[in-house]
Structures are given as structure tokens and as C-alpha cells.
N, C-alpha and C. Protein backbone atom coordinates (compact mmCIF):
# COMPACT_ATOMS: atom_id res chain seq x y z
N LYS A 1 0.60 -1.38 0.02
CA LYS A 1 -0.41 0.05 0.27
C LYS A 1 0.64 1.52 -0.33
N LYS A 2 1.80 1.14 0.45
CA LYS A 2 2.67 2.50 0.60
C LYS A 2 3.50 3.13 -0.68
N ARG A 3 3.81 2.02 -1.57
CA ARG A 3 4.47 3.02 -2.64
C ARG A 3 3.62 2.34 -3.56
N GLY A 4 1.97 2.24 -3.44
CA GLY A 4 1.14 2.61 -4.54
C GLY A 4 0.90 1.26 -5.25
N SER A 5 0.54 1.32 -6.31
CA SER A 5 -0.38 0.03 -7.38
C SER A 5 1.14 -0.54 -7.98
N LEU A 6 0.57 -1.77 -8.17
CA LEU A 6 1.51 -2.81 -8.72
C LEU A 6 1.78 -2.90 -10.18
N THR A 7 3.20 -3.24 -10.42
CA THR A 7 3.71 -3.02 -12.18
C THR A 7 2.98 -4.33 -12.65
N GLU A 8 3.02 -3.67 -13.77
CA GLU A 8 2.45 -4.91 -14.69
C GLU A 8 3.47 -6.15 -14.71
N VAL A 9 4.48 -6.26 -14.62
CA VAL A 9 5.06 -7.36 -14.13
C VAL A 9 4.70 -8.49 -12.76
N GLU A 10 4.73 -7.06 -11.62
CA GLU A 10 4.20 -8.41 -10.66
C GLU A 10 2.84 -8.52 -10.58
N ILE A 11 1.88 -8.05 -11.40
CA ILE A 11 0.76 -8.65 -11.72
C ILE A 11 0.65 -9.91 -12.50
N LYS A 12 1.58 -9.88 -13.41
CA LYS A 12 1.62 -11.49 -14.37
C LYS A 12 2.29 -12.48 -13.09
N TYR A 13 2.88 -12.36 -12.40
CA TYR A 13 3.89 -12.93 -11.57
C TYR A 13 2.83 -13.07 -10.50
N TYR A 14 1.97 -12.53 -9.69
CA TYR A 14 0.71 -13.04 -8.43
C TYR A 14 -0.54 -13.84 -9.52
N VAL A 15 -0.94 -13.29 -11.02
CA VAL A 15 -1.79 -13.59 -11.46
C VAL A 15 -1.42 -15.23 -11.80
N LEU A 16 -0.31 -15.96 -12.22
CA LEU A 16 0.50 -17.13 -12.88
C LEU A 16 0.25 -17.95 -11.14
N GLN A 17 0.97 -17.18 -10.24
CA GLN A 17 0.83 -18.04 -8.74
C GLN A 17 -0.94 -18.51 -8.52
N ILE A 18 -1.61 -17.69 -8.74
CA ILE A 18 -3.33 -17.98 -8.59
C ILE A 18 -3.87 -19.20 -9.59
N LEU A 19 -3.35 -19.07 -10.92
CA LEU A 19 -3.80 -19.96 -11.76
C LEU A 19 -3.34 -20.99 -11.44
N LYS A 20 -1.95 -21.47 -10.87
CA LYS A 20 -1.31 -22.82 -10.86
C LYS A 20 -1.95 -22.59 -9.39
N ALA A 21 -2.20 -22.31 -8.65
CA ALA A 21 -3.29 -22.57 -7.58
C ALA A 21 -4.02 -23.11 -7.29
N VAL A 22 -4.93 -22.58 -8.76
CA VAL A 22 -6.35 -23.23 -9.07
C VAL A 22 -6.01 -24.88 -9.27
N GLU A 23 -5.45 -24.24 -10.67
CA GLU A 23 -4.75 -25.68 -11.73
C GLU A 23 -4.91 -26.67 -10.53
N CYS A 24 -4.24 -26.58 -9.38
CA CYS A 24 -3.02 -27.83 -8.19
C CYS A 24 -4.53 -28.22 -7.61
N MET A 25 -5.47 -27.18 -6.82
CA MET A 25 -6.67 -27.54 -6.46
C MET A 25 -7.49 -28.49 -7.18
N HIS A 26 -7.73 -28.15 -8.48
CA HIS A 26 -8.55 -28.89 -9.35
C HIS A 26 -7.95 -30.49 -9.84
N LYS A 27 -6.69 -30.40 -9.93
CA LYS A 27 -5.98 -31.36 -10.16
C LYS A 27 -6.56 -32.72 -9.30
N LYS A 28 -6.36 -32.35 -7.75
CA LYS A 28 -6.89 -32.13 -6.38
C LYS A 28 -8.26 -32.87 -6.56
N LEU A 29 -9.33 -32.25 -7.41
CA LEU A 29 -10.73 -32.37 -7.48
C LEU A 29 -11.13 -31.77 -6.21
N ILE A 30 -10.56 -30.60 -5.81
CA ILE A 30 -10.84 -29.74 -5.08
C ILE A 30 -11.60 -28.19 -5.48
N ILE A 31 -12.84 -28.06 -5.02
CA ILE A 31 -13.34 -26.74 -5.57
C ILE A 31 -13.27 -25.87 -4.28
N HIS A 32 -12.78 -24.40 -4.29
CA HIS A 32 -12.71 -23.72 -3.47
C HIS A 32 -14.07 -22.76 -2.80
N ARG A 33 -14.78 -22.67 -3.74
CA ARG A 33 -16.50 -22.46 -3.83
C ARG A 33 -16.26 -20.61 -3.11
N ASP A 34 -15.20 -20.40 -2.58
CA ASP A 34 -15.16 -18.79 -1.90
C ASP A 34 -14.00 -17.74 -2.36
N LEU A 35 -13.60 -18.26 -3.51
CA LEU A 35 -11.88 -17.70 -4.39
C LEU A 35 -12.57 -16.22 -4.10
N LYS A 36 -12.04 -15.54 -3.45
CA LYS A 36 -12.30 -13.51 -3.62
C LYS A 36 -10.28 -13.13 -2.98
N LEU A 37 -10.45 -11.72 -3.24
CA LEU A 37 -9.15 -11.63 -2.80
C LEU A 37 -8.96 -11.29 -1.48
N ALA A 38 -10.16 -11.25 -0.28
CA ALA A 38 -9.86 -11.78 0.17
C ALA A 38 -9.42 -12.86 1.50
N ASN A 39 -9.25 -13.78 0.09
CA ASN A 39 -9.02 -14.96 0.58
C ASN A 39 -7.69 -15.71 -0.18
N ILE A 40 -6.77 -14.35 -0.92
CA ILE A 40 -5.74 -14.78 -1.44
C ILE A 40 -4.77 -13.38 -0.59
N VAL A 41 -3.91 -14.15 -0.02
CA VAL A 41 -2.72 -13.18 0.73
C VAL A 41 -1.33 -13.85 0.48
N ILE A 42 -0.57 -12.65 0.17
CA ILE A 42 1.04 -12.72 0.36
C ILE A 42 1.41 -13.00 1.41
N ASP A 43 2.45 -14.42 1.15
CA ASP A 43 3.46 -14.37 2.18
C ASP A 43 4.89 -13.67 2.28
N SER A 44 5.94 -13.33 3.31
CA SER A 44 6.78 -12.91 3.54
C SER A 44 7.63 -12.67 2.29
N ASN A 45 7.54 -13.85 1.88
CA ASN A 45 8.40 -14.13 0.18
C ASN A 45 8.06 -13.71 -1.12
N MET A 46 6.71 -12.90 -0.50
CA MET A 46 5.97 -12.44 -1.78
C MET A 46 5.47 -13.36 -2.64
N ASN A 47 4.77 -15.02 -1.84
CA ASN A 47 4.15 -16.08 -2.88
C ASN A 47 2.96 -15.61 -2.63
N ILE A 48 2.09 -15.92 -3.03
CA ILE A 48 0.58 -16.16 -3.17
C ILE A 48 0.12 -17.44 -2.33
N LYS A 49 -0.88 -17.41 -1.31
CA LYS A 49 -1.06 -18.20 -0.82
C LYS A 49 -2.52 -18.19 -0.83
N ILE A 50 -3.32 -18.89 -0.99
CA ILE A 50 -4.95 -19.02 -1.12
C ILE A 50 -5.07 -19.70 0.43
N ILE A 51 -6.52 -18.52 1.19
CA ILE A 51 -6.90 -19.57 2.40
C ILE A 51 -8.28 -19.69 2.19
N ASP A 52 -8.61 -20.00 3.84
CA ASP A 52 -10.11 -20.12 3.73
C ASP A 52 -10.81 -21.08 3.01
N PHE A 53 -10.28 -22.20 3.23
CA PHE A 53 -10.92 -23.42 2.57
C PHE A 53 -12.30 -24.11 3.71
N GLY A 54 -13.18 -22.89 4.29
CA GLY A 54 -14.29 -23.50 4.98
C GLY A 54 -15.66 -23.99 4.19
N LEU A 55 -15.60 -23.44 3.09
CA LEU A 55 -16.62 -24.07 1.97
C LEU A 55 -15.86 -24.41 0.70
N ALA A 56 -14.69 -25.25 1.06
CA ALA A 56 -14.55 -25.84 -0.27
C ALA A 56 -14.72 -26.97 -0.37
N ALA A 57 -14.89 -27.96 -1.26
CA ALA A 57 -15.53 -29.40 -1.25
C ALA A 57 -14.25 -30.35 -2.45
N GLN A 58 -14.44 -31.03 -1.48
CA GLN A 58 -12.98 -32.42 -2.59
C GLN A 58 -14.45 -33.28 -3.38
N LEU A 59 -14.38 -33.00 -4.52
CA LEU A 59 -15.48 -34.44 -5.59
C LEU A 59 -14.74 -35.61 -5.27
N LYS A 60 -15.52 -36.76 -5.81
CA LYS A 60 -15.25 -37.90 -5.96
C LYS A 60 -14.44 -37.92 -7.29
N HIS A 61 -15.45 -37.59 -8.05
CA HIS A 61 -14.86 -37.98 -9.48
C HIS A 61 -15.13 -36.48 -10.51
N PRO A 62 -14.35 -36.33 -11.30
CA PRO A 62 -13.99 -35.13 -11.87
C PRO A 62 -15.59 -34.40 -12.71
N LYS A 63 -16.37 -35.19 -13.01
CA LYS A 63 -17.88 -35.10 -13.51
C LYS A 63 -19.02 -34.45 -12.36
N GLN A 64 -18.44 -35.13 -11.11
CA GLN A 64 -19.32 -34.84 -9.78
C GLN A 64 -20.00 -33.25 -9.77
N LYS A 65 -20.98 -33.27 -9.61
CA LYS A 65 -22.08 -31.75 -9.72
C LYS A 65 -21.70 -31.65 -8.00
N VAL A 66 -21.64 -30.16 -7.76
CA VAL A 66 -22.25 -30.12 -6.30
C VAL A 66 -23.24 -29.33 -6.14
N ALA A 67 -24.56 -29.57 -5.40
CA ALA A 67 -25.49 -29.14 -5.67
C ALA A 67 -25.86 -27.72 -4.48
N LEU A 68 -25.27 -27.91 -3.52
CA LEU A 68 -25.17 -26.50 -2.42
C LEU A 68 -24.34 -25.49 -3.20
N HIS A 69 -25.00 -24.59 -3.37
CA HIS A 69 -24.30 -23.05 -4.21
C HIS A 69 -24.16 -22.25 -2.33
N CYS A 70 -22.78 -21.62 -2.56
CA CYS A 70 -22.58 -21.32 -1.53
C CYS A 70 -21.39 -20.23 -1.85
N GLY A 71 -20.83 -19.16 -1.18
CA GLY A 71 -19.89 -18.55 -1.02
C GLY A 71 -20.52 -16.94 -0.81
N THR A 72 -19.37 -15.98 -1.50
CA THR A 72 -19.83 -14.81 -1.07
C THR A 72 -20.72 -14.25 -2.29
N PRO A 73 -22.03 -13.77 -1.88
CA PRO A 73 -22.56 -13.25 -2.95
C PRO A 73 -22.38 -12.60 -4.24
N ASN A 74 -21.66 -11.72 -3.79
CA ASN A 74 -21.05 -10.82 -4.84
C ASN A 74 -19.94 -11.15 -5.72
N TYR A 75 -19.39 -12.60 -5.65
CA TYR A 75 -18.24 -13.14 -6.04
C TYR A 75 -18.79 -14.75 -6.73
N ILE A 76 -19.90 -15.10 -6.71
CA ILE A 76 -20.52 -16.14 -7.13
C ILE A 76 -20.22 -15.82 -9.02
N ALA A 77 -19.87 -17.51 -9.54
CA ALA A 77 -20.02 -17.01 -10.71
C ALA A 77 -20.75 -16.98 -11.42
N PRO A 78 -21.42 -16.13 -12.67
CA PRO A 78 -22.60 -16.22 -13.42
C PRO A 78 -23.00 -17.65 -13.79
N GLU A 79 -22.25 -18.30 -14.19
CA GLU A 79 -22.60 -19.62 -14.65
C GLU A 79 -23.47 -20.15 -13.72
N ILE A 80 -23.08 -20.34 -12.20
CA ILE A 80 -23.60 -20.79 -11.18
C ILE A 80 -25.08 -20.29 -10.80
N LEU A 81 -25.01 -18.97 -10.88
CA LEU A 81 -26.32 -18.34 -10.85
C LEU A 81 -27.61 -18.84 -11.72
N ASP A 82 -26.82 -19.23 -13.17
CA ASP A 82 -27.77 -18.97 -14.32
C ASP A 82 -28.15 -20.68 -14.16
N ALA A 83 -27.20 -21.42 -13.24
CA ALA A 83 -27.33 -23.16 -13.30
C ALA A 83 -29.31 -23.53 -13.02
N ASP A 84 -29.42 -22.20 -11.93
CA ASP A 84 -31.06 -22.89 -10.94
C ASP A 84 -32.31 -22.33 -12.18
């Protein structure tokens, strides 16, 4: 916050880490269900950490559907809202 906005290089670095974390979760059949800025933190080594897996679910197989809609309303994906 002290120095202002992130540079484009820093943004790419963080976005890549977030994408890799989501890819890792999906390979393990884990869906976070509440991924938002408040649940993404940066550690002292400037690495992204995904936190708050309280609403996460681990699927039994890749095609499994999860019936319960949960998460922070303003961050729910449009495709989830349209599924009803």
C-alpha cells in the first residue's frame, strides 16, 4: 500500500501463481467455492497463498456436480447463478 500500484510484471507474477494454485486444487478435485481477494494473501517471500477453505469441497470424480450453492454473493460465478 505504501508504494502504490503494482507493476505489470508483478501482476503477471501474482496472477500466474493464482492460476497455478487453482490448477493444483482442480487436479486434486478440490473446489474452493469462495475464491475472492480477501482469501488470497501474500507471504513474506512474496508468494501467493490461497486461504479459507471452509466452504471447499473435494469431489469423488471429475464430473461430479455439487448441489449446494455457497460463497460470497458478489463473487459467485454467473454460470452458477444461471444454473438454477
